[in-house]
Amino acid sequence: MNGFDYDGAIYAVAWNDSVYIKKLYRDEDGFRMFSLNKDYPEKFIPYEDEPRIVGLVVGHFMPVEGV
């Protein structure tokens, strides 16, 4: 898969007309996608669905209030 470097990293991935920012793990037949929010269950993305890695999430920001 193009753009996938290692298991457990957080990626932006386009799948089924949506974009997700999730922790990904590669399996033999697809990706396992985990949310850092425990309210969302694990999802499996089969390679046959042609998921696209948009990019690796390398940091975060917090908006500055009162500016």
PDB file of N, CA and C in Angstrom:
ATOM      1  N   MET A   1       0.843  -1.185   0.000  1.00  0.00           N
ATOM      2  CA  MET A   1       0.000   0.000   0.000  1.00  0.00           C
ATOM      3  C   MET A   1       0.882   1.239   0.000  1.00  0.00           C
ATOM      4  N   ASN A   2       0.651   2.119  -0.903  1.00  0.00           N
ATOM      5  CA  ASN A   2       1.421   3.342  -1.022  1.00  0.00           C
ATOM      6  C   ASN A   2       1.146   4.271   0.160  1.00  0.00           C
ATOM      7  N   GLY A   3       2.217   4.749   0.795  1.00  0.00           N
ATOM      8  CA  GLY A   3       2.078   5.693   1.884  1.00  0.00           C
ATOM      9  C   GLY A   3       2.026   5.072   3.258  1.00  0.00           C
ATOM     10  N   PHE A   4       1.973   3.746   3.356  1.00  0.00           N
ATOM     11  CA  PHE A   4       1.933   3.080   4.656  1.00  0.00           C
ATOM     12  C   PHE A   4       3.349   2.732   5.068  1.00  0.00           C
ATOM     13  N   ASP A   5       3.777   3.239   6.234  1.00  0.00           N
ATOM     14  CA  ASP A   5       5.139   3.001   6.700  1.00  0.00           C
ATOM     15  C   ASP A   5       5.222   1.942   7.789  1.00  0.00           C
ATOM     16  N   TYR A   6       4.382   2.035   8.818  1.00  0.00           N
ATOM     17  CA  TYR A   6       4.493   1.071   9.910  1.00  0.00           C
ATOM     18  C   TYR A   6       3.202   0.951  10.705  1.00  0.00           C
ATOM     19  N   ASP A   7       3.008  -0.223  11.310  1.00  0.00           N
ATOM     20  CA  ASP A   7       1.826  -0.502  12.125  1.00  0.00           C
ATOM     21  C   ASP A   7       1.741   0.421  13.330  1.00  0.00           C
ATOM     22  N   GLY A   8       0.535   0.853  13.639  1.00  0.00           N
ATOM     23  CA  GLY A   8       0.281   1.640  14.835  1.00  0.00           C
ATOM     24  C   GLY A   8       0.422   3.130  14.658  1.00  0.00           C
ATOM     25  N   ALA A   9       0.851   3.573  13.486  1.00  0.00           N
ATOM     26  CA  ALA A   9       0.939   5.009  13.233  1.00  0.00           C
ATOM     27  C   ALA A   9      -0.464   5.539  12.930  1.00  0.00           C
ATOM     28  N   ILE A  10      -0.637   6.832  13.073  1.00  0.00           N
ATOM     29  CA  ILE A  10      -1.932   7.465  12.793  1.00  0.00           C
ATOM     30  C   ILE A  10      -1.872   8.052  11.384  1.00  0.00           C
ATOM     31  N   TYR A  11      -2.840   7.626  10.570  1.00  0.00           N
ATOM     32  CA  TYR A  11      -2.896   8.029   9.169  1.00  0.00           C
ATOM     33  C   TYR A  11      -4.242   8.664   8.852  1.00  0.00           C
ATOM     34  N   ALA A  12      -4.242   9.504   7.828  1.00  0.00           N
ATOM     35  CA  ALA A  12      -5.479   9.921   7.184  1.00  0.00           C
ATOM     36  C   ALA A  12      -5.683   8.936   6.040  1.00  0.00           C
ATOM     37  N   VAL A  13      -6.829   8.263   6.039  1.00  0.00           N
ATOM     38  CA  VAL A  13      -7.110   7.249   5.026  1.00  0.00           C
ATOM     39  C   VAL A  13      -8.481   7.510   4.411  1.00  0.00           C
ATOM     40  N   ALA A  14      -8.543   7.515   3.076  1.00  0.00           N
ATOM     41  CA  ALA A  14      -9.800   7.681   2.351  1.00  0.00           C
ATOM     42  C   ALA A  14     -10.350   6.294   2.058  1.00  0.00           C
ATOM     43  N   TRP A  15     -11.627   6.086   2.458  1.00  0.00           N
ATOM     44  CA  TRP A  15     -12.272   4.782   2.272  1.00  0.00           C
ATOM     45  C   TRP A  15     -13.772   4.988   2.214  1.00  0.00           C
ATOM     46  N   ASN A  16     -14.418   4.407   1.205  1.00  0.00           N
ATOM     47  CA  ASN A  16     -15.871   4.463   1.044  1.00  0.00           C
ATOM     48  C   ASN A  16     -16.412   5.893   1.121  1.00  0.00           C
ATOM     49  N   ASP A  17     -15.843   6.792   0.349  1.00  0.00           N
ATOM     50  CA  ASP A  17     -16.304   8.186   0.249  1.00  0.00           C
ATOM     51  C   ASP A  17     -16.178   8.976   1.545  1.00  0.00           C
ATOM     52  N   SER A  18     -15.320   8.514   2.471  1.00  0.00           N
ATOM     53  CA  SER A  18     -15.063   9.243   3.715  1.00  0.00           C
ATOM     54  C   SER A  18     -13.559   9.267   3.960  1.00  0.00           C
ATOM     55  N   VAL A  19     -13.125  10.213   4.773  1.00  0.00           N
ATOM     56  CA  VAL A  19     -11.725  10.270   5.187  1.00  0.00           C
ATOM     57  C   VAL A  19     -11.691  10.106   6.697  1.00  0.00           C
ATOM     58  N   TYR A  20     -10.830   9.222   7.165  1.00  0.00           N
ATOM     59  CA  TYR A  20     -10.692   8.929   8.588  1.00  0.00           C
ATOM     60  C   TYR A  20      -9.282   9.261   9.029  1.00  0.00           C
ATOM     61  N   ILE A  21      -9.135   9.690  10.267  1.00  0.00           N
ATOM     62  CA  ILE A  21      -7.827   9.845  10.889  1.00  0.00           C
ATOM     63  C   ILE A  21      -7.813   8.847  12.027  1.00  0.00           C
ATOM     64  N   LYS A  22      -7.104   7.740  11.792  1.00  0.00           N
ATOM     65  CA  LYS A  22      -7.138   6.599  12.709  1.00  0.00           C
ATOM     66  C   LYS A  22      -5.777   5.925  12.779  1.00  0.00           C
ATOM     67  N   LYS A  23      -5.605   5.122  13.807  1.00  0.00           N
ATOM     68  CA  LYS A  23      -4.431   4.275  13.949  1.00  0.00           C
ATOM     69  C   LYS A  23      -4.636   3.052  13.059  1.00  0.00           C
ATOM     70  N   LEU A  24      -3.661   2.737  12.194  1.00  0.00           N
ATOM     71  CA  LEU A  24      -3.797   1.622  11.250  1.00  0.00           C
ATOM     72  C   LEU A  24      -2.786   0.517  11.529  1.00  0.00           C
ATOM     73  N   TYR A  25      -3.242  -0.702  11.294  1.00  0.00           N
ATOM     74  CA  TYR A  25      -2.402  -1.900  11.351  1.00  0.00           C
ATOM     75  C   TYR A  25      -2.662  -2.692  10.077  1.00  0.00           C
ATOM     76  N   ARG A  26      -1.584  -3.192   9.464  1.00  0.00           N
ATOM     77  CA  ARG A  26      -1.721  -3.954   8.230  1.00  0.00           C
ATOM     78  C   ARG A  26      -1.958  -5.424   8.545  1.00  0.00           C
ATOM     79  N   ASP A  27      -2.954  -6.018   7.908  1.00  0.00           N
ATOM     80  CA  ASP A  27      -3.220  -7.450   7.970  1.00  0.00           C
ATOM     81  C   ASP A  27      -2.992  -8.031   6.578  1.00  0.00           C
ATOM     82  N   GLU A  28      -3.092  -9.325   6.465  1.00  0.00           N
ATOM     83  CA  GLU A  28      -2.872  -9.984   5.180  1.00  0.00           C
ATOM     84  C   GLU A  28      -3.866  -9.521   4.111  1.00  0.00           C
ATOM     85  N   ASP A  29      -5.128  -9.297   4.510  1.00  0.00           N
ATOM     86  CA  ASP A  29      -6.182  -8.966   3.542  1.00  0.00           C
ATOM     87  C   ASP A  29      -6.668  -7.526   3.613  1.00  0.00           C
ATOM     88  N   GLY A  30      -6.057  -6.695   4.460  1.00  0.00           N
ATOM     89  CA  GLY A  30      -6.511  -5.312   4.574  1.00  0.00           C
ATOM     90  C   GLY A  30      -5.918  -4.623   5.780  1.00  0.00           C
ATOM     91  N   PHE A  31      -6.543  -3.527   6.168  1.00  0.00           N
ATOM     92  CA  PHE A  31      -6.110  -2.758   7.330  1.00  0.00           C
ATOM     93  C   PHE A  31      -7.103  -2.922   8.463  1.00  0.00           C
ATOM     94  N   ARG A  32      -6.606  -2.932   9.691  1.00  0.00           N
ATOM     95  CA  ARG A  32      -7.451  -2.792  10.873  1.00  0.00           C
ATOM     96  C   ARG A  32      -7.322  -1.337  11.297  1.00  0.00           C
ATOM     97  N   MET A  33      -8.445  -0.683  11.510  1.00  0.00           N
ATOM     98  CA  MET A  33      -8.472   0.744  11.812  1.00  0.00           C
ATOM     99  C   MET A  33      -9.015   0.924  13.229  1.00  0.00           C
ATOM    100  N   PHE A  34      -8.245   1.602  14.077  1.00  0.00           N
ATOM    101  CA  PHE A  34      -8.617   1.832  15.468  1.00  0.00           C
ATOM    102  C   PHE A  34      -8.740   3.317  15.733  1.00  0.00           C
ATOM    103  N   SER A  35      -9.754   3.683  16.500  1.00  0.00           N
ATOM    104  CA  SER A  35      -9.934   5.057  16.933  1.00  0.00           C
ATOM    105  C   SER A  35      -9.269   5.242  18.293  1.00  0.00           C
ATOM    106  N   LEU A  36      -8.724   6.405  18.550  1.00  0.00           N
ATOM    107  CA  LEU A  36      -8.206   6.722  19.879  1.00  0.00           C
ATOM    108  C   LEU A  36      -9.357   6.955  20.852  1.00  0.00           C
ATOM    109  N   ASN A  37     -10.546   7.237  20.309  1.00  0.00           N
ATOM    110  CA  ASN A  37     -11.757   7.407  21.106  1.00  0.00           C
ATOM    111  C   ASN A  37     -12.384   6.022  21.292  1.00  0.00           C
ATOM    112  N   LYS A  38     -12.442   5.543  22.501  1.00  0.00           N
ATOM    113  CA  LYS A  38     -12.924   4.188  22.792  1.00  0.00           C
ATOM    114  C   LYS A  38     -14.406   3.982  22.471  1.00  0.00           C
ATOM    115  N   ASP A  39     -15.148   5.066  22.181  1.00  0.00           N
ATOM    116  CA  ASP A  39     -16.561   4.943  21.818  1.00  0.00           C
ATOM    117  C   ASP A  39     -16.768   4.401  20.406  1.00  0.00           C
ATOM    118  N   TYR A  40     -15.699   4.357  19.595  1.00  0.00           N
ATOM    119  CA  TYR A  40     -15.801   3.882  18.219  1.00  0.00           C
ATOM    120  C   TYR A  40     -15.116   2.531  18.098  1.00  0.00           C
ATOM    121  N   PRO A  41     -15.810   1.552  17.514  1.00  0.00           N
ATOM    122  CA  PRO A  41     -15.234   0.200  17.413  1.00  0.00           C
ATOM    123  C   PRO A  41     -14.168   0.108  16.327  1.00  0.00           C
ATOM    124  N   GLU A  42     -13.373  -0.932  16.426  1.00  0.00           N
ATOM    125  CA  GLU A  42     -12.397  -1.256  15.385  1.00  0.00           C
ATOM    126  C   GLU A  42     -13.141  -1.546  14.087  1.00  0.00           C
ATOM    127  N   LYS A  43     -12.550  -1.163  12.954  1.00  0.00           N
ATOM    128  CA  LYS A  43     -13.122  -1.478  11.643  1.00  0.00           C
ATOM    129  C   LYS A  43     -12.054  -2.170  10.810  1.00  0.00           C
ATOM    130  N   PHE A  44     -12.503  -3.035   9.910  1.00  0.00           N
ATOM    131  CA  PHE A  44     -11.596  -3.701   8.986  1.00  0.00           C
ATOM    132  C   PHE A  44     -11.827  -3.133   7.593  1.00  0.00           C
ATOM    133  N   ILE A  45     -10.742  -2.766   6.918  1.00  0.00           N
ATOM    134  CA  ILE A  45     -10.812  -2.216   5.565  1.00  0.00           C
ATOM    135  C   ILE A  45     -10.140  -3.214   4.623  1.00  0.00           C
ATOM    136  N   PRO A  46     -10.914  -3.953   3.825  1.00  0.00           N
ATOM    137  CA  PRO A  46     -10.292  -4.902   2.895  1.00  0.00           C
ATOM    138  C   PRO A  46      -9.568  -4.160   1.764  1.00  0.00           C
ATOM    139  N   TYR A  47      -8.435  -4.715   1.346  1.00  0.00           N
ATOM    140  CA  TYR A  47      -7.680  -4.108   0.243  1.00  0.00           C
ATOM    141  C   TYR A  47      -8.524  -4.006  -1.026  1.00  0.00           C
ATOM    142  N   GLU A  48      -9.464  -4.934  -1.218  1.00  0.00           N
ATOM    143  CA  GLU A  48     -10.302  -4.911  -2.418  1.00  0.00           C
ATOM    144  C   GLU A  48     -11.176  -3.659  -2.482  1.00  0.00           C
ATOM    145  N   ASP A  49     -11.402  -2.975  -1.356  1.00  0.00           N
ATOM    146  CA  ASP A  49     -12.133  -1.704  -1.344  1.00  0.00           C
ATOM    147  C   ASP A  49     -11.274  -0.539  -1.814  1.00  0.00           C
ATOM    148  N   GLU A  50      -9.990  -0.802  -2.059  1.00  0.00           N
ATOM    149  CA  GLU A  50      -9.035   0.194  -2.538  1.00  0.00           C
ATOM    150  C   GLU A  50      -8.936   1.419  -1.634  1.00  0.00           C
ATOM    151  N   PRO A  51      -8.649   1.217  -0.328  1.00  0.00           N
ATOM    152  CA  PRO A  51      -8.446   2.377   0.549  1.00  0.00           C
ATOM    153  C   PRO A  51      -7.200   3.140   0.098  1.00  0.00           C
ATOM    154  N   ARG A  52      -7.205   4.433   0.337  1.00  0.00           N
ATOM    155  CA  ARG A  52      -6.068   5.261  -0.084  1.00  0.00           C
ATOM    156  C   ARG A  52      -5.504   5.980   1.126  1.00  0.00           C
ATOM    157  N   ILE A  53      -4.216   5.790   1.370  1.00  0.00           N
ATOM    158  CA  ILE A  53      -3.529   6.515   2.436  1.00  0.00           C
ATOM    159  C   ILE A  53      -3.310   7.942   1.947  1.00  0.00           C
ATOM    160  N   VAL A  54      -3.926   8.900   2.635  1.00  0.00           N
ATOM    161  CA  VAL A  54      -3.787  10.304   2.270  1.00  0.00           C
ATOM    162  C   VAL A  54      -2.484  10.857   2.836  1.00  0.00           C
ATOM    163  N   GLY A  55      -2.151  10.461   4.070  1.00  0.00           N
ATOM    164  CA  GLY A  55      -0.908  10.920   4.668  1.00  0.00           C
ATOM    165  C   GLY A  55      -0.771  10.451   6.097  1.00  0.00           C
ATOM    166  N   LEU A  56       0.420  10.575   6.600  1.00  0.00           N
ATOM    167  CA  LEU A  56       0.761  10.249   7.975  1.00  0.00           C
ATOM    168  C   LEU A  56       0.509  11.480   8.843  1.00  0.00           C
ATOM    169  N   VAL A  57      -0.170  11.299   9.961  1.00  0.00           N
ATOM    170  CA  VAL A  57      -0.390  12.402  10.900  1.00  0.00           C
ATOM    171  C   VAL A  57       0.850  12.498  11.771  1.00  0.00           C
ATOM    172  N   VAL A  58       1.523  13.646  11.725  1.00  0.00           N
ATOM    173  CA  VAL A  58       2.793  13.805  12.430  1.00  0.00           C
ATOM    174  C   VAL A  58       2.723  14.762  13.603  1.00  0.00           C
ATOM    175  N   GLY A  59       1.607  15.419  13.806  1.00  0.00           N
ATOM    176  CA  GLY A  59       1.490  16.347  14.913  1.00  0.00           C
ATOM    177  C   GLY A  59       0.054  16.793  15.065  1.00  0.00           C
ATOM    178  N   HIS A  60      -0.152  17.745  15.930  1.00  0.00           N
ATOM    179  CA  HIS A  60      -1.485  18.278  16.142  1.00  0.00           C
ATOM    180  C   HIS A  60      -1.365  19.758  16.474  1.00  0.00           C
ATOM    181  N   PHE A  61      -2.484  20.428  16.512  1.00  0.00           N
ATOM    182  CA  PHE A  61      -2.486  21.842  16.911  1.00  0.00           C
ATOM    183  C   PHE A  61      -3.676  22.083  17.797  1.00  0.00           C
ATOM    184  N   MET A  62      -3.588  23.154  18.538  1.00  0.00           N
ATOM    185  CA  MET A  62      -4.712  23.622  19.341  1.00  0.00           C
ATOM    186  C   MET A  62      -4.988  25.062  18.914  1.00  0.00           C
ATOM    187  N   PRO A  63      -6.236  25.381  18.593  1.00  0.00           N
ATOM    188  CA  PRO A  63      -6.544  26.756  18.189  1.00  0.00           C
ATOM    189  C   PRO A  63      -6.271  27.737  19.332  1.00  0.00           C
ATOM    190  N   VAL A  64      -5.805  28.899  18.950  1.00  0.00           N
ATOM    191  CA  VAL A  64      -5.559  29.954  19.932  1.00  0.00           C
ATOM    192  C   VAL A  64      -6.864  30.702  20.142  1.00  0.00           C
ATOM    193  N   GLU A  65      -7.298  30.757  21.385  1.00  0.00           N
ATOM    194  CA  GLU A  65      -8.550  31.442  21.699  1.00  0.00           C
ATOM    195  C   GLU A  65      -8.308  32.927  21.938  1.00  0.00           C
ATOM    196  N   GLY A  66      -9.287  33.735  21.557  1.00  0.00           N
ATOM    197  CA  GLY A  66      -9.232  35.170  21.833  1.00  0.00           C
ATOM    198  C   GLY A  66      -8.346  35.960  20.892  1.00  0.00           C
ATOM    199  N   VAL A  67      -8.011  35.416  19.752  1.00  0.00           N
ATOM    200  CA  VAL A  67      -7.163  36.151  18.805  1.00  0.00           C
ATOM    201  C   VAL A  67      -8.010  36.704  17.704  1.00  0.00           C
TER     202      VAL A  67
END
